[in-house]
PDB file of N, CA and C in Angstrom:
ATOM      1  N   MET A   1      -3.516 -14.969  11.536  1.00  0.00           N
ATOM      2  CA  MET A   1      -3.554 -13.637  10.970  1.00  0.00           C
ATOM      3  C   MET A   1      -2.521 -12.792  11.694  1.00  0.00           C
ATOM      4  N   ILE A   2      -1.681 -12.123  10.949  1.00  0.00           N
ATOM      5  CA  ILE A   2      -0.656 -11.259  11.509  1.00  0.00           C
ATOM      6  C   ILE A   2      -0.900  -9.840  11.008  1.00  0.00           C
ATOM      7  N   TYR A   3      -0.755  -8.885  11.905  1.00  0.00           N
ATOM      8  CA  TYR A   3      -0.949  -7.481  11.548  1.00  0.00           C
ATOM      9  C   TYR A   3       0.309  -6.918  10.899  1.00  0.00           C
ATOM     10  N   GLY A   4       0.120  -5.936  10.048  1.00  0.00           N
ATOM     11  CA  GLY A   4       1.247  -5.254   9.425  1.00  0.00           C
ATOM     12  C   GLY A   4       2.168  -4.628  10.453  1.00  0.00           C
ATOM     13  N   SER A   5       1.606  -4.172  11.571  1.00  0.00           N
ATOM     14  CA  SER A   5       2.439  -3.581  12.624  1.00  0.00           C
ATOM     15  C   SER A   5       3.370  -4.636  13.227  1.00  0.00           C
ATOM     16  N   GLN A   6       2.911  -5.883  13.285  1.00  0.00           N
ATOM     17  CA  GLN A   6       3.749  -6.963  13.793  1.00  0.00           C
ATOM     18  C   GLN A   6       4.854  -7.301  12.796  1.00  0.00           C
ATOM     19  N   ILE A   7       4.531  -7.242  11.520  1.00  0.00           N
ATOM     20  CA  ILE A   7       5.555  -7.457  10.499  1.00  0.00           C
ATOM     21  C   ILE A   7       6.591  -6.342  10.565  1.00  0.00           C
ATOM     22  N   GLY A   8       6.137  -5.113  10.774  1.00  0.00           N
ATOM     23  CA  GLY A   8       7.072  -3.999  10.939  1.00  0.00           C
ATOM     24  C   GLY A   8       7.997  -4.216  12.122  1.00  0.00           C
ATOM     25  N   ALA A   9       7.454  -4.724  13.216  1.00  0.00           N
ATOM     26  CA  ALA A   9       8.278  -5.011  14.389  1.00  0.00           C
ATOM     27  C   ALA A   9       9.293  -6.101  14.071  1.00  0.00           C
ATOM     28  N   LEU A  10       8.869  -7.134  13.347  1.00  0.00           N
ATOM     29  CA  LEU A  10       9.802  -8.194  12.951  1.00  0.00           C
ATOM     30  C   LEU A  10      10.941  -7.631  12.105  1.00  0.00           C
ATOM     31  N   ARG A  11      10.618  -6.733  11.204  1.00  0.00           N
ATOM     32  CA  ARG A  11      11.665  -6.125  10.367  1.00  0.00           C
ATOM     33  C   ARG A  11      12.639  -5.311  11.207  1.00  0.00           C
ATOM     34  N   SER A  12      12.123  -4.580  12.168  1.00  0.00           N
ATOM     35  CA  SER A  12      13.009  -3.807  13.053  1.00  0.00           C
ATOM     36  C   SER A  12      13.906  -4.726  13.868  1.00  0.00           C
ATOM     37  N   LEU A  13      13.329  -5.819  14.358  1.00  0.00           N
ATOM     38  CA  LEU A  13      14.118  -6.763  15.143  1.00  0.00           C
ATOM     39  C   LEU A  13      15.170  -7.464  14.286  1.00  0.00           C
ATOM     40  N   ARG A  14      14.830  -7.749  13.063  1.00  0.00           N
ATOM     41  CA  ARG A  14      15.810  -8.376  12.161  1.00  0.00           C
ATOM     42  C   ARG A  14      16.988  -7.434  11.910  1.00  0.00           C
ATOM     43  N   ALA A  15      16.710  -6.150  11.819  1.00  0.00           N
ATOM     44  CA  ALA A  15      17.769  -5.169  11.565  1.00  0.00           C
ATOM     45  C   ALA A  15      18.652  -4.928  12.786  1.00  0.00           C
ATOM     46  N   ALA A  16      18.173  -5.299  13.952  1.00  0.00           N
ATOM     47  CA  ALA A  16      18.921  -5.091  15.199  1.00  0.00           C
ATOM     48  C   ALA A  16      19.367  -6.445  15.743  1.00  0.00           C
ATOM     49  N   ALA A  17      20.492  -6.911  15.254  1.00  0.00           N
ATOM     50  CA  ALA A  17      20.962  -8.263  15.599  1.00  0.00           C
ATOM     51  C   ALA A  17      21.093  -8.479  17.107  1.00  0.00           C
ATOM     52  N   ALA A  18      21.445  -7.451  17.844  1.00  0.00           N
ATOM     53  CA  ALA A  18      21.632  -7.588  19.298  1.00  0.00           C
ATOM     54  C   ALA A  18      20.311  -7.523  20.056  1.00  0.00           C
ATOM     55  N   GLY A  19      19.234  -7.167  19.374  1.00  0.00           N
ATOM     56  CA  GLY A  19      17.931  -7.027  20.021  1.00  0.00           C
ATOM     57  C   GLY A  19      17.587  -5.577  20.272  1.00  0.00           C
ATOM     58  N   LEU A  20      16.360  -5.353  20.655  1.00  0.00           N
ATOM     59  CA  LEU A  20      15.855  -4.008  20.921  1.00  0.00           C
ATOM     60  C   LEU A  20      15.137  -3.970  22.262  1.00  0.00           C
ATOM     61  N   PRO A  21      15.196  -2.831  22.950  1.00  0.00           N
ATOM     62  CA  PRO A  21      14.364  -2.685  24.150  1.00  0.00           C
ATOM     63  C   PRO A  21      12.897  -2.556  23.739  1.00  0.00           C
ATOM     64  N   ARG A  22      12.033  -2.581  24.706  1.00  0.00           N
ATOM     65  CA  ARG A  22      10.597  -2.600  24.439  1.00  0.00           C
ATOM     66  C   ARG A  22      10.101  -1.373  23.658  1.00  0.00           C
ATOM     67  N   ALA A  23      10.568  -0.190  23.996  1.00  0.00           N
ATOM     68  CA  ALA A  23      10.012   1.044  23.409  1.00  0.00           C
ATOM     69  C   ALA A  23      10.013   1.052  21.883  1.00  0.00           C
ATOM     70  N   PRO A  24      11.120   0.749  21.198  1.00  0.00           N
ATOM     71  CA  PRO A  24      11.064   0.778  19.736  1.00  0.00           C
ATOM     72  C   PRO A  24      10.213  -0.345  19.140  1.00  0.00           C
ATOM     73  N   VAL A  25      10.072  -1.438  19.854  1.00  0.00           N
ATOM     74  CA  VAL A  25       9.202  -2.518  19.375  1.00  0.00           C
ATOM     75  C   VAL A  25       7.743  -2.100  19.536  1.00  0.00           C
ATOM     76  N   GLU A  26       7.424  -1.562  20.701  1.00  0.00           N
ATOM     77  CA  GLU A  26       6.051  -1.136  20.987  1.00  0.00           C
ATOM     78  C   GLU A  26       5.624   0.032  20.110  1.00  0.00           C
ATOM     79  N   ALA A  27       6.575   0.790  19.593  1.00  0.00           N
ATOM     80  CA  ALA A  27       6.251   1.931  18.729  1.00  0.00           C
ATOM     81  C   ALA A  27       5.450   1.491  17.506  1.00  0.00           C
ATOM     82  N   HIS A  28       5.661   0.282  17.038  1.00  0.00           N
ATOM     83  CA  HIS A  28       4.894  -0.223  15.886  1.00  0.00           C
ATOM     84  C   HIS A  28       3.412  -0.366  16.240  1.00  0.00           C
ATOM     85  N   LEU A  29       3.127  -0.855  17.431  1.00  0.00           N
ATOM     86  CA  LEU A  29       1.738  -0.966  17.890  1.00  0.00           C
ATOM     87  C   LEU A  29       1.144   0.425  18.100  1.00  0.00           C
ATOM     88  N   ASP A  30       1.907   1.307  18.726  1.00  0.00           N
ATOM     89  CA  ASP A  30       1.420   2.672  18.965  1.00  0.00           C
ATOM     90  C   ASP A  30       1.089   3.383  17.658  1.00  0.00           C
ATOM     91  N   GLN A  31       1.936   3.204  16.653  1.00  0.00           N
ATOM     92  CA  GLN A  31       1.680   3.840  15.357  1.00  0.00           C
ATOM     93  C   GLN A  31       0.389   3.311  14.742  1.00  0.00           C
ATOM     94  N   ALA A  32       0.167   2.021  14.838  1.00  0.00           N
ATOM     95  CA  ALA A  32      -1.065   1.440  14.292  1.00  0.00           C
ATOM     96  C   ALA A  32      -2.283   2.017  15.001  1.00  0.00           C
ATOM     97  N   LYS A  33      -2.200   2.155  16.315  1.00  0.00           N
ATOM     98  CA  LYS A  33      -3.326   2.718  17.073  1.00  0.00           C
ATOM     99  C   LYS A  33      -3.563   4.179  16.706  1.00  0.00           C
ATOM    100  N   GLN A  34      -2.494   4.933  16.484  1.00  0.00           N
ATOM    101  CA  GLN A  34      -2.630   6.353  16.116  1.00  0.00           C
ATOM    102  C   GLN A  34      -3.217   6.519  14.721  1.00  0.00           C
ATOM    103  N   ASN A  35      -3.036   5.529  13.891  1.00  0.00           N
ATOM    104  CA  ASN A  35      -3.545   5.606  12.524  1.00  0.00           C
ATOM    105  C   ASN A  35      -4.999   5.166  12.431  1.00  0.00           C
ATOM    106  N   SER A  36      -5.715   5.265  13.556  1.00  0.00           N
ATOM    107  CA  SER A  36      -7.153   4.994  13.614  1.00  0.00           C
ATOM    108  C   SER A  36      -7.522   3.569  13.235  1.00  0.00           C
ATOM    109  N   ILE A  37      -6.789   2.650  13.706  1.00  0.00           N
ATOM    110  CA  ILE A  37      -7.122   1.258  13.444  1.00  0.00           C
ATOM    111  C   ILE A  37      -8.036   0.811  14.567  1.00  0.00           C
ATOM    112  N   GLU A  38      -9.304   0.922  14.314  1.00  0.00           N
ATOM    113  CA  GLU A  38     -10.300   0.691  15.342  1.00  0.00           C
ATOM    114  C   GLU A  38     -10.229  -0.706  15.946  1.00  0.00           C
ATOM    115  N   PHE A  39      -9.930  -1.716  15.146  1.00  0.00           N
ATOM    116  CA  PHE A  39      -9.923  -3.065  15.694  1.00  0.00           C
ATOM    117  C   PHE A  39      -8.757  -3.306  16.633  1.00  0.00           C
ATOM    118  N   LEU A  40      -7.731  -2.471  16.592  1.00  0.00           N
ATOM    119  CA  LEU A  40      -6.608  -2.620  17.519  1.00  0.00           C
ATOM    120  C   LEU A  40      -6.830  -1.856  18.818  1.00  0.00           C
ATOM    121  N   ARG A  41      -7.480  -0.725  18.747  1.00  0.00           N
ATOM    122  CA  ARG A  41      -7.578   0.170  19.900  1.00  0.00           C
ATOM    123  C   ARG A  41      -8.125  -0.466  21.168  1.00  0.00           C
ATOM    124  N   PRO A  42      -9.286  -1.063  21.132  1.00  0.00           N
ATOM    125  CA  PRO A  42      -9.856  -1.487  22.407  1.00  0.00           C
ATOM    126  C   PRO A  42      -9.235  -2.743  22.993  1.00  0.00           C
ATOM    127  N   ARG A  43      -8.598  -3.566  22.194  1.00  0.00           N
ATOM    128  CA  ARG A  43      -8.221  -4.858  22.744  1.00  0.00           C
ATOM    129  C   ARG A  43      -6.746  -5.206  22.685  1.00  0.00           C
ATOM    130  N   SER A  44      -5.947  -4.462  22.012  1.00  0.00           N
ATOM    131  CA  SER A  44      -4.554  -4.857  21.882  1.00  0.00           C
ATOM    132  C   SER A  44      -3.655  -4.134  22.864  1.00  0.00           C
ATOM    133  N   THR A  45      -3.204  -4.880  23.821  1.00  0.00           N
ATOM    134  CA  THR A  45      -2.137  -4.390  24.683  1.00  0.00           C
ATOM    135  C   THR A  45      -0.833  -4.887  24.080  1.00  0.00           C
ATOM    136  N   PHE A  46       0.269  -4.333  24.519  1.00  0.00           N
ATOM    137  CA  PHE A  46       1.553  -4.792  24.015  1.00  0.00           C
ATOM    138  C   PHE A  46       1.733  -6.283  24.301  1.00  0.00           C
ATOM    139  N   THR A  47       1.325  -6.713  25.466  1.00  0.00           N
ATOM    140  CA  THR A  47       1.484  -8.118  25.843  1.00  0.00           C
ATOM    141  C   THR A  47       0.725  -9.034  24.890  1.00  0.00           C
ATOM    142  N   GLU A  48      -0.491  -8.674  24.531  1.00  0.00           N
ATOM    143  CA  GLU A  48      -1.273  -9.478  23.590  1.00  0.00           C
ATOM    144  C   GLU A  48      -0.675  -9.433  22.184  1.00  0.00           C
ATOM    145  N   TRP A  49      -0.324  -8.232  21.773  1.00  0.00           N
ATOM    146  CA  TRP A  49       0.198  -8.001  20.425  1.00  0.00           C
ATOM    147  C   TRP A  49       1.526  -8.720  20.226  1.00  0.00           C
ATOM    148  N   PHE A  50       2.460  -8.532  21.167  1.00  0.00           N
ATOM    149  CA  PHE A  50       3.761  -9.188  21.059  1.00  0.00           C
ATOM    150  C   PHE A  50       3.646 -10.679  21.370  1.00  0.00           C
ATOM    151  N   GLY A  51       2.713 -11.033  22.245  1.00  0.00           N
ATOM    152  CA  GLY A  51       2.511 -12.429  22.602  1.00  0.00           C
ATOM    153  C   GLY A  51       2.202 -13.303  21.397  1.00  0.00           C
ATOM    154  N   PHE A  52       1.484 -12.757  20.424  1.00  0.00           N
ATOM    155  CA  PHE A  52       1.208 -13.505  19.202  1.00  0.00           C
ATOM    156  C   PHE A  52       2.514 -13.904  18.526  1.00  0.00           C
ATOM    157  N   LEU A  53       3.455 -12.973  18.463  1.00  0.00           N
ATOM    158  CA  LEU A  53       4.746 -13.248  17.828  1.00  0.00           C
ATOM    159  C   LEU A  53       5.529 -14.296  18.617  1.00  0.00           C
ATOM    160  N   GLU A  54       5.461 -14.210  19.932  1.00  0.00           N
ATOM    161  CA  GLU A  54       6.155 -15.185  20.779  1.00  0.00           C
ATOM    162  C   GLU A  54       5.522 -16.571  20.676  1.00  0.00           C
ATOM    163  N   ARG A  55       4.204 -16.635  20.751  1.00  0.00           N
ATOM    164  CA  ARG A  55       3.511 -17.927  20.693  1.00  0.00           C
ATOM    165  C   ARG A  55       3.784 -18.663  19.384  1.00  0.00           C
ATOM    166  N   ASN A  56       4.031 -17.912  18.343  1.00  0.00           N
ATOM    167  CA  ASN A  56       4.311 -18.507  17.040  1.00  0.00           C
ATOM    168  C   ASN A  56       5.809 -18.650  16.782  1.00  0.00           C
ATOM    169  N   ASP A  57       6.601 -18.460  17.819  1.00  0.00           N
ATOM    170  CA  ASP A  57       8.051 -18.645  17.775  1.00  0.00           C
ATOM    171  C   ASP A  57       8.744 -17.758  16.744  1.00  0.00           C
ATOM    172  N   LEU A  58       8.189 -16.555  16.548  1.00  0.00           N
ATOM    173  CA  LEU A  58       8.799 -15.600  15.627  1.00  0.00           C
ATOM    174  C   LEU A  58       9.731 -14.644  16.356  1.00  0.00           C
ATOM    175  N   THR A  59       9.497 -14.473  17.658  1.00  0.00           N
ATOM    176  CA  THR A  59      10.301 -13.571  18.479  1.00  0.00           C
ATOM    177  C   THR A  59      10.490 -14.175  19.856  1.00  0.00           C
ATOM    178  N   THR A  60      11.358 -13.524  20.603  1.00  0.00           N
ATOM    179  CA  THR A  60      11.557 -13.908  21.990  1.00  0.00           C
ATOM    180  C   THR A  60      11.887 -12.655  22.798  1.00  0.00           C
ATOM    181  N   ALA A  61      11.488 -12.665  24.046  1.00  0.00           N
ATOM    182  CA  ALA A  61      11.832 -11.583  24.973  1.00  0.00           C
ATOM    183  C   ALA A  61      12.866 -12.154  25.938  1.00  0.00           C
ATOM    184  N   GLY A  62      14.053 -11.569  25.948  1.00  0.00           N
ATOM    185  CA  GLY A  62      15.134 -12.083  26.772  1.00  0.00           C
ATOM    186  C   GLY A  62      15.075 -11.595  28.203  1.00  0.00           C
ATOM    187  N   ASP A  63      15.749 -12.316  29.082  1.00  0.00           N
ATOM    188  CA  ASP A  63      15.846 -11.907  30.482  1.00  0.00           C
ATOM    189  C   ASP A  63      16.597 -10.586  30.635  1.00  0.00           C
ATOM    190  N   ASP A  64      17.330 -10.198  29.603  1.00  0.00           N
ATOM    191  CA  ASP A  64      18.081  -8.937  29.626  1.00  0.00           C
ATOM    192  C   ASP A  64      17.215  -7.741  29.239  1.00  0.00           C
ATOM    193  N   GLY A  65      15.920  -7.983  28.997  1.00  0.00           N
ATOM    194  CA  GLY A  65      15.006  -6.893  28.639  1.00  0.00           C
ATOM    195  C   GLY A  65      14.989  -6.562  27.162  1.00  0.00           C
ATOM    196  N   LEU A  66      15.690  -7.334  26.354  1.00  0.00           N
ATOM    197  CA  LEU A  66      15.728  -7.081  24.919  1.00  0.00           C
ATOM    198  C   LEU A  66      14.840  -8.074  24.181  1.00  0.00           C
ATOM    199  N   TYR A  67      14.254  -7.594  23.120  1.00  0.00           N
ATOM    200  CA  TYR A  67      13.387  -8.394  22.259  1.00  0.00           C
ATOM    201  C   TYR A  67      14.177  -8.754  21.006  1.00  0.00           C
ATOM    202  N   ARG A  68      14.042 -10.005  20.578  1.00  0.00           N
ATOM    203  CA  ARG A  68      14.812 -10.490  19.440  1.00  0.00           C
ATOM    204  C   ARG A  68      13.921 -11.311  18.500  1.00  0.00           C
ATOM    205  N   ILE A  69      14.317 -11.317  17.246  1.00  0.00           N
ATOM    206  CA  ILE A  69      13.667 -12.164  16.267  1.00  0.00           C
ATOM    207  C   ILE A  69      14.333 -13.538  16.323  1.00  0.00           C
ATOM    208  N   THR A  70      13.562 -14.574  16.099  1.00  0.00           N
ATOM    209  CA  THR A  70      14.091 -15.937  16.095  1.00  0.00           C
ATOM    210  C   THR A  70      14.459 -16.333  14.656  1.00  0.00           C
ATOM    211  N   PRO A  71      15.189 -17.432  14.491  1.00  0.00           N
ATOM    212  CA  PRO A  71      15.451 -17.908  13.127  1.00  0.00           C
ATOM    213  C   PRO A  71      14.151 -18.174  12.349  1.00  0.00           C
ATOM    214  N   LYS A  72      13.128 -18.669  13.030  1.00  0.00           N
ATOM    215  CA  LYS A  72      11.840 -18.884  12.365  1.00  0.00           C
ATOM    216  C   LYS A  72      11.244 -17.550  11.913  1.00  0.00           C
ATOM    217  N   GLY A  73      11.399 -16.502  12.721  1.00  0.00           N
ATOM    218  CA  GLY A  73      10.914 -15.178  12.352  1.00  0.00           C
ATOM    219  C   GLY A  73      11.631 -14.635  11.129  1.00  0.00           C
ATOM    220  N   VAL A  74      12.950 -14.840  11.068  1.00  0.00           N
ATOM    221  CA  VAL A  74      13.719 -14.409   9.897  1.00  0.00           C
ATOM    222  C   VAL A  74      13.242 -15.172   8.667  1.00  0.00           C
ATOM    223  N   GLY A  75      13.037 -16.468   8.821  1.00  0.00           N
ATOM    224  CA  GLY A  75      12.544 -17.270   7.703  1.00  0.00           C
ATOM    225  C   GLY A  75      11.174 -16.830   7.230  1.00  0.00           C
ATOM    226  N   PHE A  76      10.294 -16.491   8.178  1.00  0.00           N
ATOM    227  CA  PHE A  76       8.957 -16.018   7.830  1.00  0.00           C
ATOM    228  C   PHE A  76       9.033 -14.729   7.023  1.00  0.00           C
ATOM    229  N   LEU A  77       9.854 -13.774   7.479  1.00  0.00           N
ATOM    230  CA  LEU A  77       9.998 -12.515   6.737  1.00  0.00           C
ATOM    231  C   LEU A  77      10.555 -12.765   5.343  1.00  0.00           C
ATOM    232  N   THR A  78      11.556 -13.603   5.249  1.00  0.00           N
ATOM    233  CA  THR A  78      12.151 -13.921   3.955  1.00  0.00           C
ATOM    234  C   THR A  78      11.097 -14.512   3.022  1.00  0.00           C
ATOM    235  N   TYR A  79      10.266 -15.376   3.574  1.00  0.00           N
ATOM    236  CA  TYR A  79       9.208 -16.011   2.788  1.00  0.00           C
ATOM    237  C   TYR A  79       8.197 -14.984   2.265  1.00  0.00           C
ATOM    238  N   ILE A  80       7.662 -14.148   3.158  1.00  0.00           N
ATOM    239  CA  ILE A  80       6.630 -13.203   2.699  1.00  0.00           C
ATOM    240  C   ILE A  80       7.223 -12.131   1.790  1.00  0.00           C
ATOM    241  N   GLU A  81       8.464 -11.747   2.029  1.00  0.00           N
ATOM    242  CA  GLU A  81       9.102 -10.778   1.132  1.00  0.00           C
ATOM    243  C   GLU A  81       9.333 -11.402  -0.245  1.00  0.00           C
ATOM    244  N   GLY A  82       9.655 -12.685  -0.265  1.00  0.00           N
ATOM    245  CA  GLY A  82       9.836 -13.392  -1.528  1.00  0.00           C
ATOM    246  C   GLY A  82       8.546 -13.498  -2.331  1.00  0.00           C
ATOM    247  N   LEU A  83       7.418 -13.504  -1.630  1.00  0.00           N
ATOM    248  CA  LEU A  83       6.116 -13.538  -2.313  1.00  0.00           C
ATOM    249  C   LEU A  83       5.722 -12.184  -2.866  1.00  0.00           C
ATOM    250  N   GLY A  84       6.466 -11.154  -2.480  1.00  0.00           N
ATOM    251  CA  GLY A  84       6.203  -9.813  -3.011  1.00  0.00           C
ATOM    252  C   GLY A  84       5.064  -9.080  -2.322  1.00  0.00           C
ATOM    253  N   TYR A  85       4.703  -9.484  -1.105  1.00  0.00           N
ATOM    254  CA  TYR A  85       3.664  -8.748  -0.386  1.00  0.00           C
ATOM    255  C   TYR A  85       4.142  -7.319  -0.127  1.00  0.00           C
ATOM    256  N   PRO A  86       3.288  -6.341  -0.332  1.00  0.00           N
ATOM    257  CA  PRO A  86       3.709  -4.961  -0.122  1.00  0.00           C
ATOM    258  C   PRO A  86       3.909  -4.672   1.356  1.00  0.00           C
ATOM    259  N   PRO A  87       4.940  -3.887   1.671  1.00  0.00           N
ATOM    260  CA  PRO A  87       5.105  -3.496   3.074  1.00  0.00           C
ATOM    261  C   PRO A  87       4.034  -2.483   3.434  1.00  0.00           C
ATOM    262  N   ARG A  88       3.290  -2.765   4.463  1.00  0.00           N
ATOM    263  CA  ARG A  88       2.254  -1.830   4.904  1.00  0.00           C
ATOM    264  C   ARG A  88       2.038  -1.995   6.381  1.00  0.00           C
ATOM    265  N   ILE A  89       1.700  -0.930   6.994  1.00  0.00           N
ATOM    266  CA  ILE A  89       1.424  -0.938   8.432  1.00  0.00           C
ATOM    267  C   ILE A  89      -0.062  -0.677   8.616  1.00  0.00           C
ATOM    268  N   PHE A  90      -0.711  -1.557   9.359  1.00  0.00           N
ATOM    269  CA  PHE A  90      -2.124  -1.378   9.683  1.00  0.00           C
ATOM    270  C   PHE A  90      -2.416  -1.975  11.021  1.00  0.00           C
TER     271      PHE A  90
END
């Protein structure tokens, strides 16, 4: 199960070929928490939230402090966008 906020982060990372620092990536999680998503509030830290993307080889965190989407992550986005899933953040 992937959250819409994680998909939003993947889209941001795809748009930034050189990668992004943590703050703009984490902003997707912060926005979800601000939108009263109760199931995210008590248990999702950035490490847990982003870790899901890393464990599934959709993203990587570089030694340079930048976060990047992997080729598998690009393929995943292309796949779900091709299915016509609506973009939504939750």
